[in-house]
Amino acid sequence: MAIGERPCFLSRGQEREFEMLVGYARCGISSCGEGHARLALEAVVPLSHDIGAIIRCAKADLEAVPHG
């Protein structure tokens, strides 16, 4: 899977949950760093999602948005 590429989902609900977690990770990375975001995700992410994929997507989203 390429960096930032979203995985396939079994349902629209699973996709929405994943995107919510990506948003949570983006906020964590921006405010506290990747390590903190990863630890926070480990506490809340259900087994149906890959934390690595969530972090990759969040980082790609942050890189795609111009800062300034």
N, C-alpha and C. Protein backbone atom coordinates (compact mmCIF):
# COMPACT_ATOMS: atom_id res chain seq x y z
N MET A 1 0.84 -1.17 0.00
CA MET A 1 0.00 0.00 0.00
C MET A 1 0.90 1.24 0.00
N ALA A 2 0.62 2.16 -0.91
CA ALA A 2 1.40 3.39 -0.99
C ALA A 2 1.08 4.29 0.20
N ILE A 3 2.02 5.15 0.51
CA ILE A 3 1.82 6.08 1.63
C ILE A 3 0.58 6.92 1.35
N GLY A 4 -0.32 6.96 2.31
CA GLY A 4 -1.53 7.76 2.17
C GLY A 4 -2.67 7.08 1.44
N GLU A 5 -2.40 5.94 0.80
CA GLU A 5 -3.44 5.21 0.09
C GLU A 5 -4.36 4.54 1.10
N ARG A 6 -5.65 4.78 0.95
CA ARG A 6 -6.61 4.20 1.88
C ARG A 6 -6.85 2.73 1.56
N PRO A 7 -7.01 1.91 2.58
CA PRO A 7 -7.31 0.48 2.35
C PRO A 7 -8.76 0.31 1.89
N CYS A 8 -9.09 -0.89 1.45
CA CYS A 8 -10.47 -1.22 1.11
C CYS A 8 -11.22 -1.55 2.40
N PHE A 9 -12.50 -1.26 2.41
CA PHE A 9 -13.30 -1.47 3.62
C PHE A 9 -14.46 -2.41 3.34
N LEU A 10 -14.89 -3.10 4.38
CA LEU A 10 -16.02 -4.02 4.27
C LEU A 10 -17.35 -3.28 4.28
N SER A 11 -17.37 -2.08 4.86
CA SER A 11 -18.62 -1.32 4.94
C SER A 11 -18.30 0.17 4.98
N ARG A 12 -19.32 0.97 4.71
CA ARG A 12 -19.17 2.43 4.79
C ARG A 12 -18.90 2.84 6.24
N GLY A 13 -19.50 2.13 7.19
CA GLY A 13 -19.26 2.42 8.60
C GLY A 13 -17.81 2.21 8.99
N GLN A 14 -17.20 1.14 8.49
CA GLN A 14 -15.80 0.87 8.78
C GLN A 14 -14.91 1.96 8.17
N GLU A 15 -15.27 2.42 6.98
CA GLU A 15 -14.51 3.49 6.33
C GLU A 15 -14.61 4.79 7.14
N ARG A 16 -15.80 5.14 7.59
CA ARG A 16 -15.99 6.35 8.39
C ARG A 16 -15.21 6.27 9.70
N GLU A 17 -15.22 5.10 10.32
CA GLU A 17 -14.46 4.91 11.56
C GLU A 17 -12.97 5.10 11.30
N PHE A 18 -12.46 4.54 10.20
CA PHE A 18 -11.05 4.68 9.85
C PHE A 18 -10.70 6.15 9.64
N GLU A 19 -11.53 6.88 8.91
CA GLU A 19 -11.24 8.29 8.64
C GLU A 19 -11.29 9.12 9.93
N MET A 20 -12.17 8.77 10.85
CA MET A 20 -12.21 9.45 12.15
C MET A 20 -10.89 9.20 12.90
N LEU A 21 -10.40 7.97 12.84
CA LEU A 21 -9.14 7.65 13.51
C LEU A 21 -7.97 8.35 12.84
N VAL A 22 -7.99 8.50 11.51
CA VAL A 22 -6.95 9.24 10.81
C VAL A 22 -6.96 10.70 11.27
N GLY A 23 -8.14 11.28 11.41
CA GLY A 23 -8.24 12.65 11.91
C GLY A 23 -7.69 12.78 13.32
N TYR A 24 -8.00 11.81 14.15
CA TYR A 24 -7.47 11.77 15.52
C TYR A 24 -5.94 11.70 15.50
N ALA A 25 -5.41 10.87 14.62
CA ALA A 25 -3.96 10.73 14.49
C ALA A 25 -3.32 12.01 13.98
N ARG A 26 -3.96 12.66 12.99
CA ARG A 26 -3.43 13.93 12.48
C ARG A 26 -3.30 14.95 13.60
N CYS A 27 -4.33 15.05 14.42
CA CYS A 27 -4.29 16.01 15.54
C CYS A 27 -3.17 15.64 16.53
N GLY A 28 -3.03 14.35 16.81
CA GLY A 28 -1.99 13.90 17.73
C GLY A 28 -0.59 14.15 17.20
N ILE A 29 -0.40 13.88 15.93
CA ILE A 29 0.92 14.10 15.31
C ILE A 29 1.25 15.59 15.32
N SER A 30 0.27 16.41 14.97
CA SER A 30 0.49 17.86 14.92
C SER A 30 0.81 18.45 16.28
N SER A 31 0.13 17.97 17.31
CA SER A 31 0.29 18.59 18.62
C SER A 31 1.35 17.93 19.50
N CYS A 32 1.51 16.60 19.40
CA CYS A 32 2.40 15.91 20.35
C CYS A 32 3.45 15.03 19.69
N GLY A 33 3.37 14.83 18.39
CA GLY A 33 4.34 14.00 17.71
C GLY A 33 3.80 12.61 17.39
N GLU A 34 4.49 11.94 16.48
CA GLU A 34 4.04 10.63 16.01
C GLU A 34 4.02 9.57 17.11
N GLY A 35 5.03 9.57 17.96
CA GLY A 35 5.08 8.56 19.03
C GLY A 35 3.89 8.64 19.96
N HIS A 36 3.53 9.84 20.35
CA HIS A 36 2.38 10.03 21.23
C HIS A 36 1.09 9.63 20.51
N ALA A 37 0.97 10.02 19.25
CA ALA A 37 -0.22 9.67 18.48
C ALA A 37 -0.37 8.16 18.37
N ARG A 38 0.73 7.47 18.13
CA ARG A 38 0.68 6.01 18.01
C ARG A 38 0.24 5.36 19.33
N LEU A 39 0.78 5.84 20.45
CA LEU A 39 0.39 5.29 21.76
C LEU A 39 -1.09 5.55 22.05
N ALA A 40 -1.56 6.74 21.71
CA ALA A 40 -2.96 7.06 21.93
C ALA A 40 -3.86 6.17 21.07
N LEU A 41 -3.45 5.92 19.83
CA LEU A 41 -4.24 5.06 18.95
C LEU A 41 -4.28 3.62 19.48
N GLU A 42 -3.17 3.16 20.01
CA GLU A 42 -3.14 1.79 20.53
C GLU A 42 -4.18 1.60 21.64
N ALA A 43 -4.51 2.67 22.34
CA ALA A 43 -5.48 2.59 23.43
C ALA A 43 -6.92 2.58 22.93
N VAL A 44 -7.16 3.12 21.73
CA VAL A 44 -8.55 3.27 21.27
C VAL A 44 -8.91 2.52 20.01
N VAL A 45 -7.92 2.07 19.25
CA VAL A 45 -8.21 1.47 17.93
C VAL A 45 -8.72 0.04 18.10
N PRO A 46 -9.87 -0.25 17.47
CA PRO A 46 -10.36 -1.63 17.50
C PRO A 46 -9.48 -2.53 16.64
N LEU A 47 -9.59 -3.81 16.82
CA LEU A 47 -8.75 -4.76 16.08
C LEU A 47 -9.02 -4.74 14.59
N SER A 48 -10.10 -4.11 14.16
CA SER A 48 -10.45 -4.10 12.74
C SER A 48 -9.61 -3.11 11.93
N HIS A 49 -8.75 -2.33 12.57
CA HIS A 49 -7.95 -1.34 11.85
C HIS A 49 -6.47 -1.52 12.16
N ASP A 50 -5.64 -1.16 11.17
CA ASP A 50 -4.19 -1.25 11.27
C ASP A 50 -3.65 0.12 11.69
N ILE A 51 -3.03 0.19 12.86
CA ILE A 51 -2.51 1.46 13.36
C ILE A 51 -1.46 2.04 12.41
N GLY A 52 -0.64 1.19 11.84
CA GLY A 52 0.37 1.67 10.88
C GLY A 52 -0.27 2.36 9.69
N ALA A 53 -1.35 1.80 9.18
CA ALA A 53 -2.05 2.41 8.04
C ALA A 53 -2.67 3.74 8.44
N ILE A 54 -3.21 3.82 9.64
CA ILE A 54 -3.80 5.07 10.12
C ILE A 54 -2.73 6.15 10.21
N ILE A 55 -1.58 5.82 10.79
CA ILE A 55 -0.48 6.78 10.92
C ILE A 55 0.02 7.21 9.54
N ARG A 56 0.21 6.25 8.62
CA ARG A 56 0.68 6.59 7.26
C ARG A 56 -0.28 7.56 6.58
N CYS A 57 -1.57 7.30 6.68
CA CYS A 57 -2.56 8.17 6.05
C CYS A 57 -2.57 9.55 6.69
N ALA A 58 -2.48 9.59 8.01
CA ALA A 58 -2.46 10.88 8.71
C ALA A 58 -1.24 11.70 8.31
N LYS A 59 -0.07 11.07 8.24
CA LYS A 59 1.15 11.78 7.85
C LYS A 59 1.06 12.26 6.40
N ALA A 60 0.51 11.43 5.52
CA ALA A 60 0.34 11.85 4.12
C ALA A 60 -0.62 13.02 4.01
N ASP A 61 -1.70 12.99 4.79
CA ASP A 61 -2.64 14.12 4.79
C ASP A 61 -1.95 15.38 5.26
N LEU A 62 -1.16 15.29 6.31
CA LEU A 62 -0.47 16.47 6.84
C LEU A 62 0.54 17.03 5.82
N GLU A 63 1.20 16.15 5.08
CA GLU A 63 2.17 16.59 4.07
C GLU A 63 1.48 17.20 2.86
N ALA A 64 0.26 16.78 2.58
CA ALA A 64 -0.48 17.27 1.42
C ALA A 64 -1.10 18.64 1.65
N VAL A 65 -1.29 19.01 2.91
CA VAL A 65 -1.92 20.30 3.23
C VAL A 65 -0.83 21.36 3.38
N PRO A 66 -0.92 22.43 2.58
CA PRO A 66 0.09 23.49 2.72
C PRO A 66 -0.02 24.18 4.08
N HIS A 67 1.12 24.36 4.73
CA HIS A 67 1.15 25.01 6.04
C HIS A 67 1.55 26.46 5.86
N GLY A 68 0.96 27.31 6.63
CA GLY A 68 1.38 28.69 6.53
C GLY A 68 0.32 29.60 6.82
